[in-house]
């Protein structure tokens, strides 16, 4: 299982409609599920270096890419994916 974090940054358009963020997050969870991506959590991080973080799991990288492309196409956010590893996975890597 591929695990990771999607870092989210609002665009100017996204900032103008920031009050809609919780509703857009719920819609994004539904979209992710349709694409085979499991959203473990969405965390908003006001004042941080990014505006939100989405913790995800998928069988492969493909659903993550499809999800990010579909959400970014709306023009409200930019996203970056960072692969994440469990303690045991890290133990096996080092």
C-alpha atoms as a PDB file:
ATOM      1  CA  UNK A   1       0.000   0.000   0.000  1.00  0.00           C
ATOM      2  CA  UNK A   2       1.361   3.396  -1.016  1.00  0.00           C
ATOM      3  CA  UNK A   3       1.026   6.024   1.716  1.00  0.00           C
ATOM      4  CA  UNK A   4       1.696   9.722   1.567  1.00  0.00           C
ATOM      5  CA  UNK A   5       0.772  13.292   2.213  1.00  0.00           C
ATOM      6  CA  UNK A   6      -0.557  15.737  -0.350  1.00  0.00           C
ATOM      7  CA  UNK A   7       0.466  19.279   0.534  1.00  0.00           C
ATOM      8  CA  UNK A   8      -2.118  21.841  -0.551  1.00  0.00           C
ATOM      9  CA  UNK A   9      -1.602  25.527  -1.337  1.00  0.00           C
ATOM     10  CA  UNK A  10      -4.498  27.828  -2.210  1.00  0.00           C
ATOM     11  CA  UNK A  11      -4.340  29.771  -5.437  1.00  0.00           C
ATOM     12  CA  UNK A  12      -5.580  33.378  -5.508  1.00  0.00           C
ATOM     13  CA  UNK A  13      -8.938  32.005  -6.671  1.00  0.00           C
ATOM     14  CA  UNK A  14      -9.019  29.527  -3.771  1.00  0.00           C
ATOM     15  CA  UNK A  15      -8.254  32.271  -1.248  1.00  0.00           C
ATOM     16  CA  UNK A  16     -11.152  34.365  -2.525  1.00  0.00           C
ATOM     17  CA  UNK A  17     -13.585  31.547  -1.733  1.00  0.00           C
ATOM     18  CA  UNK A  18     -11.827  30.179   1.363  1.00  0.00           C
ATOM     19  CA  UNK A  19     -15.121  29.895   3.268  1.00  0.00           C
ATOM     20  CA  UNK A  20     -16.074  27.071   0.881  1.00  0.00           C
ATOM     21  CA  UNK A  21     -12.977  25.054   1.854  1.00  0.00           C
ATOM     22  CA  UNK A  22     -14.745  22.554   4.162  1.00  0.00           C
ATOM     23  CA  UNK A  23     -17.369  21.801   1.496  1.00  0.00           C
ATOM     24  CA  UNK A  24     -14.680  21.472  -1.187  1.00  0.00           C
ATOM     25  CA  UNK A  25     -12.755  19.110   1.105  1.00  0.00           C
ATOM     26  CA  UNK A  26     -15.792  16.861   1.482  1.00  0.00           C
ATOM     27  CA  UNK A  27     -16.277  16.857  -2.297  1.00  0.00           C
ATOM     28  CA  UNK A  28     -12.594  15.984  -2.733  1.00  0.00           C
ATOM     29  CA  UNK A  29     -12.973  12.990  -0.394  1.00  0.00           C
ATOM     30  CA  UNK A  30     -15.876  11.706  -2.508  1.00  0.00           C
ATOM     31  CA  UNK A  31     -13.850  12.223  -5.716  1.00  0.00           C
ATOM     32  CA  UNK A  32     -10.851  10.404  -4.226  1.00  0.00           C
ATOM     33  CA  UNK A  33     -12.996   7.408  -3.297  1.00  0.00           C
ATOM     34  CA  UNK A  34     -14.311   7.148  -6.881  1.00  0.00           C
ATOM     35  CA  UNK A  35     -10.707   7.069  -8.125  1.00  0.00           C
ATOM     36  CA  UNK A  36      -9.602   4.346  -5.701  1.00  0.00           C
ATOM     37  CA  UNK A  37      -7.785   6.644  -3.293  1.00  0.00           C
ATOM     38  CA  UNK A  38      -8.424   6.411   0.428  1.00  0.00           C
ATOM     39  CA  UNK A  39      -8.292   9.746   2.255  1.00  0.00           C
ATOM     40  CA  UNK A  40      -7.263   9.085   5.853  1.00  0.00           C
ATOM     41  CA  UNK A  41      -7.525  12.718   6.932  1.00  0.00           C
ATOM     42  CA  UNK A  42      -7.630  16.290   5.671  1.00  0.00           C
ATOM     43  CA  UNK A  43      -5.976  18.799   7.964  1.00  0.00           C
ATOM     44  CA  UNK A  44      -6.155  22.544   7.449  1.00  0.00           C
ATOM     45  CA  UNK A  45      -2.987  24.374   8.480  1.00  0.00           C
ATOM     46  CA  UNK A  46      -3.695  28.138   8.538  1.00  0.00           C
ATOM     47  CA  UNK A  47      -0.560  30.119   9.172  1.00  0.00           C
ATOM     48  CA  UNK A  48       1.659  27.203   8.204  1.00  0.00           C
ATOM     49  CA  UNK A  49       3.908  26.836   5.185  1.00  0.00           C
ATOM     50  CA  UNK A  50       1.013  25.097   3.362  1.00  0.00           C
ATOM     51  CA  UNK A  51      -2.733  25.624   3.616  1.00  0.00           C
ATOM     52  CA  UNK A  52      -3.706  21.980   4.134  1.00  0.00           C
ATOM     53  CA  UNK A  53      -2.397  18.427   4.181  1.00  0.00           C
ATOM     54  CA  UNK A  54      -4.243  15.351   2.941  1.00  0.00           C
ATOM     55  CA  UNK A  55      -3.136  11.972   4.295  1.00  0.00           C
ATOM     56  CA  UNK A  56      -3.782   9.294   1.661  1.00  0.00           C
ATOM     57  CA  UNK A  57      -3.333   5.594   0.853  1.00  0.00           C
ATOM     58  CA  UNK A  58      -3.610   3.883  -2.524  1.00  0.00           C
ATOM     59  CA  UNK A  59      -2.635   0.665  -4.246  1.00  0.00           C
ATOM     60  CA  UNK A  60      -0.430   2.597  -6.693  1.00  0.00           C
ATOM     61  CA  UNK A  61       0.601   6.112  -7.660  1.00  0.00           C
ATOM     62  CA  UNK A  62      -1.993   6.287 -10.474  1.00  0.00           C
ATOM     63  CA  UNK A  63      -5.067   7.143  -8.357  1.00  0.00           C
ATOM     64  CA  UNK A  64      -3.069   9.807  -6.540  1.00  0.00           C
ATOM     65  CA  UNK A  65      -2.080  11.459  -9.823  1.00  0.00           C
ATOM     66  CA  UNK A  66      -5.628  11.287 -11.168  1.00  0.00           C
ATOM     67  CA  UNK A  67      -7.010  12.766  -7.959  1.00  0.00           C
ATOM     68  CA  UNK A  68      -4.518  15.608  -7.875  1.00  0.00           C
ATOM     69  CA  UNK A  69      -5.107  16.410 -11.553  1.00  0.00           C
ATOM     70  CA  UNK A  70      -8.883  16.472 -11.165  1.00  0.00           C
ATOM     71  CA  UNK A  71      -8.799  18.699  -8.064  1.00  0.00           C
ATOM     72  CA  UNK A  72      -6.158  21.091  -9.403  1.00  0.00           C
ATOM     73  CA  UNK A  73      -8.115  21.486 -12.651  1.00  0.00           C
ATOM     74  CA  UNK A  74     -10.752  23.406 -10.661  1.00  0.00           C
ATOM     75  CA  UNK A  75      -8.189  26.166 -10.102  1.00  0.00           C
ATOM     76  CA  UNK A  76      -8.525  26.573  -6.327  1.00  0.00           C
ATOM     77  CA  UNK A  77      -5.374  24.779  -5.189  1.00  0.00           C
ATOM     78  CA  UNK A  78      -1.928  23.572  -6.162  1.00  0.00           C
ATOM     79  CA  UNK A  79      -0.762  20.226  -4.790  1.00  0.00           C
ATOM     80  CA  UNK A  80       2.445  18.292  -4.133  1.00  0.00           C
ATOM     81  CA  UNK A  81       2.643  14.614  -3.165  1.00  0.00           C
ATOM     82  CA  UNK A  82       5.171  13.358  -0.633  1.00  0.00           C
ATOM     83  CA  UNK A  83       5.620   9.614  -0.149  1.00  0.00           C
ATOM     84  CA  UNK A  84       5.447   8.598   3.519  1.00  0.00           C
ATOM     85  CA  UNK A  85       6.647   5.470   5.297  1.00  0.00           C
ATOM     86  CA  UNK A  86       5.550   3.709   8.479  1.00  0.00           C
ATOM     87  CA  UNK A  87       8.018   3.012  11.274  1.00  0.00           C
ATOM     88  CA  UNK A  88       8.413  -0.575  10.082  1.00  0.00           C
ATOM     89  CA  UNK A  89       8.932   0.473   6.451  1.00  0.00           C
ATOM     90  CA  UNK A  90      11.561   2.962   7.562  1.00  0.00           C
ATOM     91  CA  UNK A  91      13.221   0.315   9.706  1.00  0.00           C
ATOM     92  CA  UNK A  92      13.506  -1.922   6.641  1.00  0.00           C
ATOM     93  CA  UNK A  93      14.970   0.903   4.493  1.00  0.00           C
ATOM     94  CA  UNK A  94      17.807   1.858   6.829  1.00  0.00           C
END
